[in-house]
């Protein structure tokens, strides 16, 4: 692990902010690192307000999109809401379809089949729209590169509105409206919305025309918060506001489908991490193992008995997904060893029998093991399909762009992407990808980094300190859970390996005469000799609460320890 200590903000600024807010200096320092410099900045950060959401009409083409939807309603046209099969896509479809259906009945939904149609807008989906006399398709979380598909639809007399957040290609599709804050010509103030976030801005714009205010739209924010968490977009600016209120909805008045999912899970209050690891995998499992329609059906269901039935199905899909994920990960790791590829700059593996629905998860697992840009390929029809994952601070999208000569189609983000290519091009692509990464990656990025916000003493960790720290949530990219470092620590003699297979490390640490704290390091049994030898060590950790036999206490959640 590579420890990187964040630069300390200027002392005078720390003192100034600490005095203005009446907080300890470590808290003021954390706020300054997040760009919060004044009392008003802090107020907006700690008390997110719906009033701080931007005017949706600042987004390029928003007025055109709203006008086309209003015309469709006026002319009694059939509208098709089309979205990708992952969490961002299915929540987007559930959001926009349920909003439109609240006042207009001629709305249908469509999720492409991962195996038959692949990612994004498909010719089959457009044919479905034509067969069912749909004259308007609204594509969510996809479509920004669907130039040919939009042209194909246009010839059939079908209009397109695109709501996407992926990077555009060289040319935009000739749709009625293209809503994407990442368009070069779009001056929308916040660029990091997820697909469901762009869908919400469209709903916000439609609602404004009907004299509805943001309070009327609160019930949709559980979907937006789930997409924000699942798509790993920055939890800053608008995303922070949407996630903050969305979590409140999930915890106080969740939609029937979420309530049904949570019956299978023993968790009372969900934070954004729970959304990522509890809700998102289950919603995703539908599109991975069966069909994304199952997720949309659950997310839009209002009858609790039906919702429980759909949630039971999805729970089974998730169990099947876990089994497939584990088997394929083990097989992929074996391939890397057999092919003697442990020391490459990249991981690129392929097996025609691997389940297409879980290759993205497998790519993440391999990245955890070897910590380098990773692609996992499988057979998809007459082509190969892959999921790409990257390491922190390396742009895998740019690396794929540099290999475009060997790729049929690709799209995605800095850290996650998907692509297809012809089998004959696989080896050439693999060699090109290795070469591009080797030439462009800073070698230090191939060592996992722990980014430490501040060095503190254990005596700084008080109930008040933690109470304020909790208000930094929701956490995520751009506002990660603060990581601290403390030096001159010593275990009091109670340190030991714990857990069924003794893979975790539990310590009781003290720093000089400070109060002692329990510290837990999951998967850190190999550090026992460092911590339990009676020697002094330093630790990187986050702070959380531990409940044991009805007593709640603060504990250190270890990320690493070194002598």
Protein backbone atom coordinates (compact mmCIF):
# COMPACT_ATOMS: atom_id res chain seq x y z
CA UNK A 1 0.00 0.00 0.00
CA UNK A 2 1.16 3.51 -0.87
CA UNK A 3 0.27 6.07 1.81
CA UNK A 4 -0.34 9.60 0.54
CA UNK A 5 -0.92 12.34 3.11
CA UNK A 6 -3.09 15.14 1.75
CA UNK A 7 -1.50 18.63 1.95
CA UNK A 8 -2.48 20.56 5.08
CA UNK A 9 -4.57 23.67 4.41
CA UNK A 10 -2.96 26.98 5.54
CA UNK A 11 -3.04 27.31 9.35
CA UNK A 12 -4.70 30.76 9.31
CA UNK A 13 -7.56 29.41 7.15
CA UNK A 14 -8.04 26.41 9.47
CA UNK A 15 -8.22 28.69 12.53
CA UNK A 16 -10.54 31.14 10.77
CA UNK A 17 -13.02 28.42 9.72
CA UNK A 18 -12.81 26.59 13.06
CA UNK A 19 -13.74 29.84 14.88
CA UNK A 20 -16.52 30.71 12.42
CA UNK A 21 -18.16 27.29 12.80
CA UNK A 22 -17.28 26.53 16.43
CA UNK A 23 -15.61 23.21 15.51
CA UNK A 24 -12.27 21.56 16.25
CA UNK A 25 -9.32 22.30 13.92
CA UNK A 26 -9.22 18.75 12.42
CA UNK A 27 -12.86 19.22 11.28
CA UNK A 28 -12.09 22.66 9.79
CA UNK A 29 -9.10 21.16 7.99
CA UNK A 30 -11.24 18.37 6.47
CA UNK A 31 -13.77 20.93 5.25
CA UNK A 32 -11.09 23.09 3.62
CA UNK A 33 -9.73 20.03 1.81
CA UNK A 34 -13.23 19.63 0.33
CA UNK A 35 -13.28 23.21 -0.93
CA UNK A 36 -15.47 24.52 1.92
CA UNK A 37 -13.96 27.83 2.99
CA UNK A 38 -16.76 29.93 4.51
CA UNK A 39 -19.67 29.66 6.92
CA UNK A 40 -22.09 29.74 3.95
CA UNK A 41 -20.19 26.96 2.14
CA UNK A 42 -20.38 24.86 5.30
CA UNK A 43 -24.11 25.54 5.70
CA UNK A 44 -24.76 24.29 2.15
CA UNK A 45 -22.54 21.25 2.76
CA UNK A 46 -24.07 20.20 6.09
CA UNK A 47 -27.63 21.19 5.17
CA UNK A 48 -28.14 20.28 1.49
CA UNK A 49 -31.17 22.11 0.04
CA UNK A 50 -33.37 21.26 -2.92
CA UNK A 51 -33.40 24.99 -3.66
CA UNK A 52 -29.74 24.71 -4.68
CA UNK A 53 -30.56 22.37 -7.58
CA UNK A 54 -29.89 24.07 -10.92
CA UNK A 55 -32.60 25.19 -13.33
CA UNK A 56 -33.08 22.18 -15.67
CA UNK A 57 -33.56 24.55 -18.63
CA UNK A 58 -29.86 25.46 -18.38
CA UNK A 59 -29.19 22.08 -20.02
CA UNK A 60 -28.77 22.24 -23.79
CA UNK A 61 -31.90 21.02 -25.68
CA UNK A 62 -34.08 20.80 -22.54
CA UNK A 63 -36.73 23.15 -23.96
CA UNK A 64 -36.83 21.06 -27.16
CA UNK A 65 -37.24 17.82 -25.18
CA UNK A 66 -40.10 19.22 -23.08
CA UNK A 67 -41.86 20.70 -26.13
CA UNK A 68 -41.68 17.32 -27.98
CA UNK A 69 -43.07 15.40 -24.99
CA UNK A 70 -45.89 17.93 -24.53
CA UNK A 71 -46.73 17.62 -28.24
CA UNK A 72 -46.79 13.80 -27.92
CA UNK A 73 -49.24 14.06 -25.01
CA UNK A 74 -51.40 16.58 -26.84
CA UNK A 75 -51.51 14.39 -29.98
CA UNK A 76 -52.10 11.18 -27.99
CA UNK A 77 -48.90 9.57 -29.33
CA UNK A 78 -47.46 6.34 -27.93
CA UNK A 79 -44.19 6.99 -26.04
CA UNK A 80 -41.49 4.38 -25.41
CA UNK A 81 -39.13 4.86 -22.45
CA UNK A 82 -35.91 3.00 -23.34
CA UNK A 83 -33.03 2.37 -20.92
CA UNK A 84 -29.97 0.26 -20.36
CA UNK A 85 -30.15 -2.96 -18.30
CA UNK A 86 -27.94 -1.85 -15.39
CA UNK A 87 -28.98 0.01 -12.21
CA UNK A 88 -28.62 3.47 -13.75
CA UNK A 89 -30.68 2.46 -16.79
CA UNK A 90 -33.46 0.57 -15.01
CA UNK A 91 -33.90 3.23 -12.31
CA UNK A 92 -34.03 5.89 -15.06
CA UNK A 93 -36.77 4.00 -16.91
CA UNK A 94 -38.71 3.44 -13.67
CA UNK A 95 -38.38 7.16 -12.83
CA UNK A 96 -39.49 8.68 -16.13
CA UNK A 97 -42.16 6.10 -16.96
CA UNK A 98 -43.83 6.35 -13.53
CA UNK A 99 -43.77 10.15 -13.69
CA UNK A 100 -45.32 10.31 -17.19
CA UNK A 101 -47.86 7.59 -16.33
CA UNK A 102 -49.03 9.75 -13.41
CA UNK A 103 -50.82 11.96 -15.95
CA UNK A 104 -50.59 10.24 -19.38
CA UNK A 105 -51.46 6.56 -20.06
CA UNK A 106 -49.83 5.88 -23.45
CA UNK A 107 -46.36 5.11 -22.10
CA UNK A 108 -44.47 1.81 -22.39
CA UNK A 109 -40.99 0.73 -21.29
CA UNK A 110 -38.22 -1.19 -23.03
CA UNK A 111 -34.97 -2.65 -21.69
CA UNK A 112 -32.69 -4.36 -24.25
CA UNK A 113 -31.68 -7.98 -23.69
CA UNK A 114 -28.03 -8.06 -22.60
CA UNK A 115 -27.35 -11.22 -24.62
CA UNK A 116 -29.51 -10.73 -27.68
CA UNK A 117 -29.18 -6.96 -28.21
CA UNK A 118 -26.21 -5.86 -26.13
CA UNK A 119 -25.61 -2.43 -24.63
CA UNK A 120 -27.47 0.72 -25.63
CA UNK A 121 -30.07 1.52 -28.26
CA UNK A 122 -30.77 -1.49 -30.51
CA UNK A 123 -32.36 -1.94 -33.93
CA UNK A 124 -34.64 -4.54 -32.32
CA UNK A 125 -35.89 -1.94 -29.82
CA UNK A 126 -36.65 0.50 -32.65
CA UNK A 127 -38.48 -2.25 -34.56
CA UNK A 128 -40.50 -2.94 -31.39
CA UNK A 129 -41.45 0.75 -31.28
CA UNK A 130 -42.52 0.67 -34.93
CA UNK A 131 -44.57 -2.53 -34.48
CA UNK A 132 -46.39 -0.93 -31.55
CA UNK A 133 -46.95 2.43 -33.28
CA UNK A 134 -44.63 4.37 -31.01
CA UNK A 135 -43.67 7.71 -32.51
CA UNK A 136 -41.35 8.91 -29.73
CA UNK A 137 -38.52 7.05 -27.97
CA UNK A 138 -36.87 8.60 -24.90
CA UNK A 139 -33.52 6.86 -24.32
CA UNK A 140 -32.00 7.06 -20.84
CA UNK A 141 -28.41 6.25 -19.75
CA UNK A 142 -27.55 5.40 -23.37
CA UNK A 143 -27.83 6.75 -26.91
CA UNK A 144 -25.12 9.42 -27.03
CA UNK A 145 -23.27 7.41 -29.70
CA UNK A 146 -26.35 5.90 -31.39
CA UNK A 147 -25.95 7.97 -34.58
CA UNK A 148 -26.93 5.15 -36.98
CA UNK A 149 -29.78 3.88 -34.76
CA UNK A 150 -31.38 7.32 -34.47
CA UNK A 151 -31.14 7.72 -38.25
CA UNK A 152 -32.75 4.27 -38.70
CA UNK A 153 -35.61 5.32 -36.39
CA UNK A 154 -36.02 8.62 -38.20
CA UNK A 155 -36.64 6.77 -41.50
CA UNK A 156 -39.48 4.94 -39.75
CA UNK A 157 -41.01 8.22 -38.56
CA UNK A 158 -39.87 7.73 -34.95
CA UNK A 159 -38.37 10.67 -33.03
CA UNK A 160 -35.69 10.31 -30.35
CA UNK A 161 -34.93 12.23 -27.16
CA UNK A 162 -31.62 11.17 -25.63
CA UNK A 163 -30.83 11.57 -21.90
CA UNK A 164 -27.27 10.39 -21.36
CA UNK A 165 -24.22 11.18 -19.27
CA UNK A 166 -21.51 9.28 -21.16
CA UNK A 167 -18.91 11.05 -23.26
CA UNK A 168 -20.16 11.90 -26.75
CA UNK A 169 -18.35 10.67 -29.86
CA UNK A 170 -17.23 12.91 -32.74
CA UNK A 171 -20.82 13.43 -33.94
CA UNK A 172 -24.06 13.69 -31.97
CA UNK A 173 -27.11 11.66 -33.07
CA UNK A 174 -29.65 13.70 -35.03
CA UNK A 175 -32.31 13.42 -32.33
CA UNK A 176 -35.02 15.95 -31.48
CA UNK A 177 -33.08 16.66 -28.28
CA UNK A 178 -29.80 15.40 -26.83
CA UNK A 179 -29.56 15.99 -23.08
CA UNK A 180 -26.03 15.30 -21.90
CA UNK A 181 -24.10 17.69 -19.63
CA UNK A 182 -20.86 16.29 -21.12
CA UNK A 183 -21.68 17.78 -24.54
CA UNK A 184 -18.98 20.31 -25.45
CA UNK A 185 -21.64 22.89 -26.27
CA UNK A 186 -23.66 22.35 -23.07
CA UNK A 187 -23.12 25.00 -20.39
CA UNK A 188 -25.03 23.17 -17.67
CA UNK A 189 -23.19 24.04 -14.40
CA UNK A 190 -22.87 20.46 -13.10
CA UNK A 191 -21.27 17.85 -15.38
CA UNK A 192 -21.27 14.73 -13.19
CA UNK A 193 -24.93 13.64 -13.18
CA UNK A 194 -25.63 9.93 -13.71
CA UNK A 195 -28.15 8.81 -16.36
CA UNK A 196 -30.98 8.76 -13.81
CA UNK A 197 -29.89 12.26 -12.72
CA UNK A 198 -30.30 13.53 -16.30
CA UNK A 199 -33.70 11.78 -16.39
CA UNK A 200 -34.62 13.57 -13.17
CA UNK A 201 -33.69 16.96 -14.69
CA UNK A 202 -36.13 16.19 -17.53
CA UNK A 203 -38.83 15.33 -14.98
CA UNK A 204 -38.01 18.55 -13.09
CA UNK A 205 -38.41 20.55 -16.33
CA UNK A 206 -41.73 18.83 -17.17
CA UNK A 207 -42.97 19.37 -13.61
CA UNK A 208 -42.17 23.10 -13.74
CA UNK A 209 -44.51 23.39 -16.76
CA UNK A 210 -47.27 21.77 -14.68
CA UNK A 211 -46.64 24.12 -11.72
CA UNK A 212 -45.33 21.27 -9.59
CA UNK A 213 -42.46 22.04 -7.25
CA UNK A 214 -39.52 19.95 -6.06
CA UNK A 215 -41.42 18.73 -3.00
CA UNK A 216 -43.79 16.95 -5.41
CA UNK A 217 -40.83 15.08 -6.92
CA UNK A 218 -39.24 13.89 -3.65
CA UNK A 219 -40.77 10.42 -3.99
CA UNK A 220 -38.61 9.76 -7.10
CA UNK A 221 -35.31 10.55 -5.39
CA UNK A 222 -34.88 7.05 -3.92
CA UNK A 223 -34.30 5.91 -7.51
CA UNK A 224 -31.85 8.75 -8.22
CA UNK A 225 -29.84 8.09 -5.03
CA UNK A 226 -29.59 4.39 -5.91
CA UNK A 227 -28.29 5.21 -9.39
CA UNK A 228 -25.79 7.75 -8.00
CA UNK A 229 -24.38 5.13 -5.62
CA UNK A 230 -24.33 2.30 -8.16
CA UNK A 231 -22.76 4.33 -10.97
CA UNK A 232 -19.96 5.62 -8.70
CA UNK A 233 -20.35 9.23 -9.85
CA UNK A 234 -18.94 12.04 -7.64
CA UNK A 235 -21.11 12.82 -4.63
CA UNK A 236 -20.57 16.55 -4.95
CA UNK A 237 -22.79 19.45 -6.04
CA UNK A 238 -26.19 18.35 -7.31
CA UNK A 239 -25.42 14.66 -6.83
CA UNK A 240 -24.85 15.29 -3.12
CA UNK A 241 -28.22 17.04 -2.77
CA UNK A 242 -30.05 14.32 -4.73
CA UNK A 243 -28.33 11.51 -2.80
CA UNK A 244 -28.99 13.21 0.56
CA UNK A 245 -32.74 13.50 -0.02
CA UNK A 246 -32.93 10.16 -1.84
CA UNK A 247 -31.48 8.37 1.19
CA UNK A 248 -34.07 10.06 3.39
CA UNK A 249 -36.81 8.64 1.14
CA UNK A 250 -35.23 5.15 1.17
CA UNK A 251 -35.09 5.21 4.98
CA UNK A 252 -38.44 6.84 5.74
CA UNK A 253 -40.82 6.06 2.88
CA UNK A 254 -39.25 3.65 0.36
CA UNK A 255 -41.18 2.61 -2.73
CA UNK A 256 -42.96 -0.76 -2.53
CA UNK A 257 -40.23 -2.52 -4.53
CA UNK A 258 -37.41 -1.33 -2.27
CA UNK A 259 -39.44 -2.30 0.79
CA UNK A 260 -39.81 -5.81 -0.65
CA UNK A 261 -36.06 -6.10 -1.32
CA UNK A 262 -35.20 -4.92 2.19
CA UNK A 263 -37.37 -7.65 3.74
CA UNK A 264 -34.62 -10.05 2.60
CA UNK A 265 -31.94 -7.93 4.31
CA UNK A 266 -31.41 -7.28 8.03
CA UNK A 267 -30.62 -3.58 7.87
CA UNK A 268 -32.65 -0.79 9.43
CA UNK A 269 -31.00 2.42 8.18
CA UNK A 270 -29.23 2.45 4.84
CA UNK A 271 -26.33 4.73 3.95
CA UNK A 272 -24.89 5.16 0.45
CA UNK A 273 -22.52 2.19 0.97
CA UNK A 274 -25.52 -0.03 1.79
CA UNK A 275 -27.24 1.21 -1.36
CA UNK A 276 -24.13 0.19 -3.36
CA UNK A 277 -23.77 -3.24 -1.73
CA UNK A 278 -27.39 -4.18 -0.91
CA UNK A 279 -29.86 -2.53 -3.30
CA UNK A 280 -27.71 -2.08 -6.41
CA UNK A 281 -26.46 -5.70 -6.81
CA UNK A 282 -30.00 -7.02 -6.55
CA UNK A 283 -31.36 -4.59 -9.13
CA UNK A 284 -28.39 -5.36 -11.37
CA UNK A 285 -28.83 -9.11 -10.95
CA UNK A 286 -32.03 -9.05 -13.02
CA UNK A 287 -30.25 -7.76 -16.14
CA UNK A 288 -27.18 -9.90 -15.47
CA UNK A 289 -28.92 -13.25 -15.00
CA UNK A 290 -32.31 -12.90 -16.71
CA UNK A 291 -33.65 -9.59 -18.04
CA UNK A 292 -33.64 -5.96 -16.90
CA UNK A 293 -37.43 -5.87 -17.27
CA UNK A 294 -37.68 -7.72 -13.94
CA UNK A 295 -35.95 -4.78 -12.22
CA UNK A 296 -38.21 -2.16 -13.84
CA UNK A 297 -41.28 -4.19 -12.92
CA UNK A 298 -40.16 -4.37 -9.27
CA UNK A 299 -39.21 -0.66 -9.11
CA UNK A 300 -42.58 0.47 -10.50
CA UNK A 301 -44.80 -2.04 -8.64
CA UNK A 302 -47.27 -0.56 -6.14
CA UNK A 303 -48.93 -3.79 -4.97
CA UNK A 304 -46.94 -5.17 -2.01
CA UNK A 305 -47.82 -8.84 -2.66
CA UNK A 306 -46.67 -8.61 -6.27
CA UNK A 307 -43.56 -6.70 -5.19
CA UNK A 308 -42.66 -9.45 -2.71
CA UNK A 309 -42.97 -12.02 -5.51
CA UNK A 310 -40.70 -10.01 -7.86
CA UNK A 311 -38.23 -9.34 -5.02
CA UNK A 312 -38.07 -13.08 -4.27
CA UNK A 313 -37.19 -13.73 -7.93
CA UNK A 314 -34.52 -11.04 -7.87
CA UNK A 315 -33.06 -12.44 -4.64
CA UNK A 316 -32.62 -15.77 -6.47
CA UNK A 317 -31.03 -14.02 -9.47
CA UNK A 318 -28.59 -12.39 -7.04
CA UNK A 319 -27.70 -15.75 -5.47
CA UNK A 320 -27.07 -17.22 -8.95
CA UNK A 321 -24.99 -14.15 -9.83
CA UNK A 322 -22.77 -14.63 -6.76
CA UNK A 323 -22.10 -18.28 -7.68
CA UNK A 324 -21.25 -17.43 -11.31
CA UNK A 325 -19.07 -14.51 -10.21
CA UNK A 326 -17.06 -16.71 -7.81
CA UNK A 327 -16.54 -19.55 -10.31
CA UNK A 328 -15.45 -17.25 -13.15
CA UNK A 329 -13.14 -15.19 -10.91
CA UNK A 330 -11.36 -18.39 -9.81
CA UNK A 331 -11.07 -19.58 -13.44
CA UNK A 332 -9.74 -16.18 -14.59
CA UNK A 333 -7.10 -16.08 -11.83
CA UNK A 334 -6.03 -19.58 -12.86
CA UNK A 335 -5.67 -18.45 -16.50
CA UNK A 336 -3.45 -15.53 -15.49
CA UNK A 337 -1.14 -17.91 -13.60
CA UNK A 338 -1.13 -20.58 -16.35
CA UNK A 339 -0.29 -17.98 -19.02
CA UNK A 340 2.43 -16.51 -16.77
CA UNK A 341 0.86 -13.04 -17.00
CA UNK A 342 1.20 -11.97 -13.37
CA UNK A 343 3.82 -9.33 -14.20
CA UNK A 344 2.12 -7.51 -17.06
CA UNK A 345 0.88 -3.91 -16.85
CA UNK A 346 -2.66 -5.07 -17.76
CA UNK A 347 -4.97 -8.02 -17.26
CA UNK A 348 -6.83 -9.20 -20.38
CA UNK A 349 -8.52 -12.62 -20.16
CA UNK A 350 -11.06 -14.44 -22.34
CA UNK A 351 -13.21 -17.54 -22.24
CA UNK A 352 -16.11 -18.08 -24.60
CA UNK A 353 -18.21 -19.81 -21.91
CA UNK A 354 -18.05 -17.08 -19.27
CA UNK A 355 -21.39 -15.56 -18.30
CA UNK A 356 -21.69 -12.15 -19.94
CA UNK A 357 -23.76 -10.84 -17.05
CA UNK A 358 -20.94 -11.06 -14.50
CA UNK A 359 -17.77 -10.20 -16.45
CA UNK A 360 -17.89 -6.62 -15.10
CA UNK A 361 -17.86 -7.89 -11.51
CA UNK A 362 -15.08 -10.35 -12.35
CA UNK A 363 -13.04 -7.50 -13.86
CA UNK A 364 -13.43 -5.61 -10.55
CA UNK A 365 -12.32 -8.67 -8.56
CA UNK A 366 -9.23 -9.15 -10.76
CA UNK A 367 -8.39 -5.46 -10.36
CA UNK A 368 -8.51 -5.94 -6.57
CA UNK A 369 -6.07 -8.88 -6.90
CA UNK A 370 -3.50 -7.54 -9.39
CA UNK A 371 -4.31 -3.82 -9.25
CA UNK A 372 -3.94 -2.88 -12.91
CA UNK A 373 -6.27 -1.94 -15.82
CA UNK A 374 -8.34 -5.05 -16.52
CA UNK A 375 -10.57 -6.44 -19.28
CA UNK A 376 -12.61 -9.65 -19.12
CA UNK A 377 -13.91 -10.98 -22.45
CA UNK A 378 -16.55 -13.54 -23.32
CA UNK A 379 -18.33 -14.66 -26.50
CA UNK A 380 -21.40 -12.64 -27.47
CA UNK A 381 -23.05 -13.85 -30.66
CA UNK A 382 -20.42 -13.78 -33.39
CA UNK A 383 -18.27 -11.23 -31.54
CA UNK A 384 -16.39 -10.89 -28.25
CA UNK A 385 -17.70 -8.56 -25.55
CA UNK A 386 -15.68 -7.20 -22.63
CA UNK A 387 -16.01 -5.19 -19.45
CA UNK A 388 -13.12 -2.93 -18.51
CA UNK A 389 -12.16 -1.69 -15.05
CA UNK A 390 -9.33 0.63 -14.10
CA UNK A 391 -7.18 1.64 -11.16
CA UNK A 392 -7.39 4.99 -9.41
CA UNK A 393 -6.33 7.98 -11.52
CA UNK A 394 -5.87 6.00 -14.78
CA UNK A 395 -8.34 6.72 -17.60
CA UNK A 396 -9.20 3.37 -19.19
CA UNK A 397 -11.58 5.08 -21.66
CA UNK A 398 -8.66 7.02 -23.15
CA UNK A 399 -6.58 3.82 -23.33
CA UNK A 400 -9.37 2.06 -25.25
CA UNK A 401 -9.67 5.06 -27.56
CA UNK A 402 -5.97 4.62 -28.42
CA UNK A 403 -6.73 0.98 -29.40
CA UNK A 404 -9.82 1.89 -31.47
CA UNK A 405 -8.33 0.33 -34.65
CA UNK A 406 -8.92 -3.13 -33.11
CA UNK A 407 -12.33 -2.39 -31.52
CA UNK A 408 -15.74 -2.54 -33.17
CA UNK A 409 -17.58 -0.45 -30.53
CA UNK A 410 -16.87 0.93 -27.06
CA UNK A 411 -18.23 3.38 -24.49
CA UNK A 412 -18.09 4.23 -20.82
CA UNK A 413 -16.22 6.27 -18.24
CA UNK A 414 -12.74 6.89 -16.86
CA UNK A 415 -12.87 3.84 -14.58
CA UNK A 416 -15.36 1.49 -16.26
CA UNK A 417 -16.14 0.78 -19.89
CA UNK A 418 -17.53 -1.85 -22.23
CA UNK A 419 -16.52 -2.90 -25.73
CA UNK A 420 -17.05 -5.41 -28.52
CA UNK A 421 -14.59 -6.64 -31.12
CA UNK A 422 -14.18 -9.41 -33.70
CA UNK A 423 -12.52 -12.58 -32.40
CA UNK A 424 -9.81 -12.27 -35.07
CA UNK A 425 -8.77 -8.93 -33.49
CA UNK A 426 -8.51 -10.20 -29.90
CA UNK A 427 -4.75 -10.91 -29.78
CA UNK A 428 -3.92 -7.69 -31.65
CA UNK A 429 -6.10 -5.72 -29.25
CA UNK A 430 -4.56 -7.44 -26.20
CA UNK A 431 -1.05 -6.52 -27.38
CA UNK A 432 -2.06 -2.94 -28.25
CA UNK A 433 -3.80 -2.40 -24.89
CA UNK A 434 -0.73 -3.64 -22.98
CA UNK A 435 1.50 -1.34 -25.05
CA UNK A 436 -0.71 1.74 -24.60
CA UNK A 437 -1.02 1.24 -20.83
CA UNK A 438 2.72 0.51 -20.45
CA UNK A 439 3.56 3.75 -22.26
CA UNK A 440 1.03 5.99 -20.50
CA UNK A 441 0.54 4.78 -16.92
CA UNK A 442 2.57 6.20 -14.07
CA UNK A 443 4.06 3.04 -12.42
CA UNK A 444 3.07 4.28 -8.95
CA UNK A 445 -0.60 3.96 -9.98
CA UNK A 446 -0.08 0.18 -10.06
CA UNK A 447 0.34 0.22 -6.27
CA UNK A 448 -2.92 0.69 -4.32
CA UNK A 449 -3.07 4.08 -2.64
CA UNK A 450 -4.42 5.01 0.76
CA UNK A 451 -5.16 8.71 0.61
CA UNK A 452 -4.94 10.04 4.16
CA UNK A 453 -6.84 13.23 4.94
CA UNK A 454 -5.12 14.12 8.18
CA UNK A 455 -2.88 12.95 10.97
CA UNK A 456 -4.67 13.11 14.32
CA UNK A 457 -4.11 11.94 17.88
CA UNK A 458 -6.43 9.40 19.44
CA UNK A 459 -7.44 12.00 22.05
CA UNK A 460 -9.01 14.02 19.18
CA UNK A 461 -11.56 11.22 18.63
CA UNK A 462 -14.49 12.25 20.81
CA UNK A 463 -18.25 11.64 20.48
CA UNK A 464 -18.68 15.26 19.33
CA UNK A 465 -15.93 14.86 16.72
CA UNK A 466 -17.64 11.75 15.34
CA UNK A 467 -21.10 13.37 15.45
CA UNK A 468 -19.87 16.14 13.12
CA UNK A 469 -17.96 13.64 10.96
CA UNK A 470 -21.19 11.70 10.36
CA UNK A 471 -22.73 14.87 8.89
CA UNK A 472 -20.14 14.79 6.08
CA UNK A 473 -22.23 11.95 4.59
CA UNK A 474 -23.33 10.88 2.05
CA UNK A 475 -19.82 9.76 1.15
CA UNK A 476 -18.50 8.81 -2.27
CA UNK A 477 -16.11 9.99 -4.97
CA UNK A 478 -15.27 13.67 -4.40
CA UNK A 479 -16.31 13.34 -0.74
CA UNK A 480 -14.81 10.10 0.52
CA UNK A 481 -15.07 8.91 4.12
CA UNK A 482 -12.21 10.71 5.90
CA UNK A 483 -9.13 8.55 6.42
CA UNK A 484 -6.87 9.37 9.37
CA UNK A 485 -3.40 8.40 10.41
CA UNK A 486 -2.08 8.10 13.94
CA UNK A 487 1.51 7.35 14.94
CA UNK A 488 3.15 5.83 18.06
CA UNK A 489 0.34 3.35 18.63
CA UNK A 490 0.67 0.24 20.74
CA UNK A 491 -1.59 -2.74 21.25
CA UNK A 492 -2.49 -3.22 24.93
CA UNK A 493 -1.90 -6.98 24.68
CA UNK A 494 -5.42 -8.01 23.66
CA UNK A 495 -4.74 -8.06 19.91
CA UNK A 496 -5.62 -11.30 18.08
CA UNK A 497 -6.92 -12.77 14.83
CA UNK A 498 -10.70 -13.20 14.80
CA UNK A 499 -13.47 -14.46 12.55
CA UNK A 500 -14.51 -17.95 11.58
CA UNK A 501 -11.34 -18.47 9.52
CA UNK A 502 -9.19 -16.10 11.63
CA UNK A 503 -8.55 -13.74 8.68
CA UNK A 504 -9.41 -10.51 10.54
CA UNK A 505 -7.32 -8.63 13.08
CA UNK A 506 -8.76 -7.05 16.21
CA UNK A 507 -6.61 -4.79 18.38
CA UNK A 508 -7.02 -2.63 21.44
CA UNK A 509 -4.78 0.37 20.78
CA UNK A 510 -3.44 3.21 22.88
CA UNK A 511 -1.28 6.24 22.11
CA UNK A 512 0.71 7.27 25.18
CA UNK A 513 -1.84 8.06 27.87
CA UNK A 514 -4.76 8.45 25.46
CA UNK A 515 -8.04 6.59 25.86
CA UNK A 516 -7.87 3.13 24.29
CA UNK A 517 -9.84 2.16 21.19
CA UNK A 518 -10.82 -1.12 19.62
CA UNK A 519 -9.47 -1.38 16.07
CA UNK A 520 -10.65 -3.91 13.49
CA UNK A 521 -8.78 -4.79 10.29
CA UNK A 522 -10.81 -6.97 7.94
CA UNK A 523 -8.61 -9.40 6.01
CA UNK A 524 -5.54 -8.08 7.87
CA UNK A 525 -4.47 -11.19 9.80
CA UNK A 526 -1.10 -11.01 8.02
CA UNK A 527 -0.36 -7.80 9.96
CA UNK A 528 -0.58 -9.57 13.34
CA UNK A 529 3.22 -9.69 13.81
CA UNK A 530 3.51 -5.92 13.30
CA UNK A 531 0.72 -5.03 15.73
CA UNK A 532 0.90 -7.72 18.38
CA UNK A 533 4.65 -7.86 18.96
CA UNK A 534 4.67 -5.13 21.62
CA UNK A 535 6.28 -2.71 19.16
CA UNK A 536 5.13 0.76 18.20
CA UNK A 537 3.29 1.09 14.85
CA UNK A 538 1.27 3.62 12.89
CA UNK A 539 -2.17 3.04 11.41
CA UNK A 540 -4.37 4.40 8.65
CA UNK A 541 -8.06 4.09 9.48
CA UNK A 542 -11.58 5.43 9.29
CA UNK A 543 -13.79 5.90 12.36
CA UNK A 544 -17.13 4.20 12.83
CA UNK A 545 -19.48 2.92 15.53
CA UNK A 546 -19.55 -0.59 16.88
CA UNK A 547 -22.60 -1.96 18.65
CA UNK A 548 -22.00 -4.88 21.01
CA UNK A 549 -24.60 -6.20 23.45
CA UNK A 550 -26.53 -2.94 23.33
CA UNK A 551 -23.49 -0.73 23.93
CA UNK A 552 -22.37 1.61 21.14
CA UNK A 553 -18.72 2.69 21.07
CA UNK A 554 -16.37 4.33 18.59
CA UNK A 555 -13.88 2.07 16.86
CA UNK A 556 -11.08 2.40 14.32
CA UNK A 557 -11.65 0.58 11.04
CA UNK A 558 -8.11 -0.19 9.91
CA UNK A 559 -7.02 0.24 6.31
CA UNK A 560 -3.33 -0.53 6.87
CA UNK A 561 -0.68 -0.63 9.59
CA UNK A 562 3.10 -0.32 9.28
CA UNK A 563 5.93 -0.46 11.82
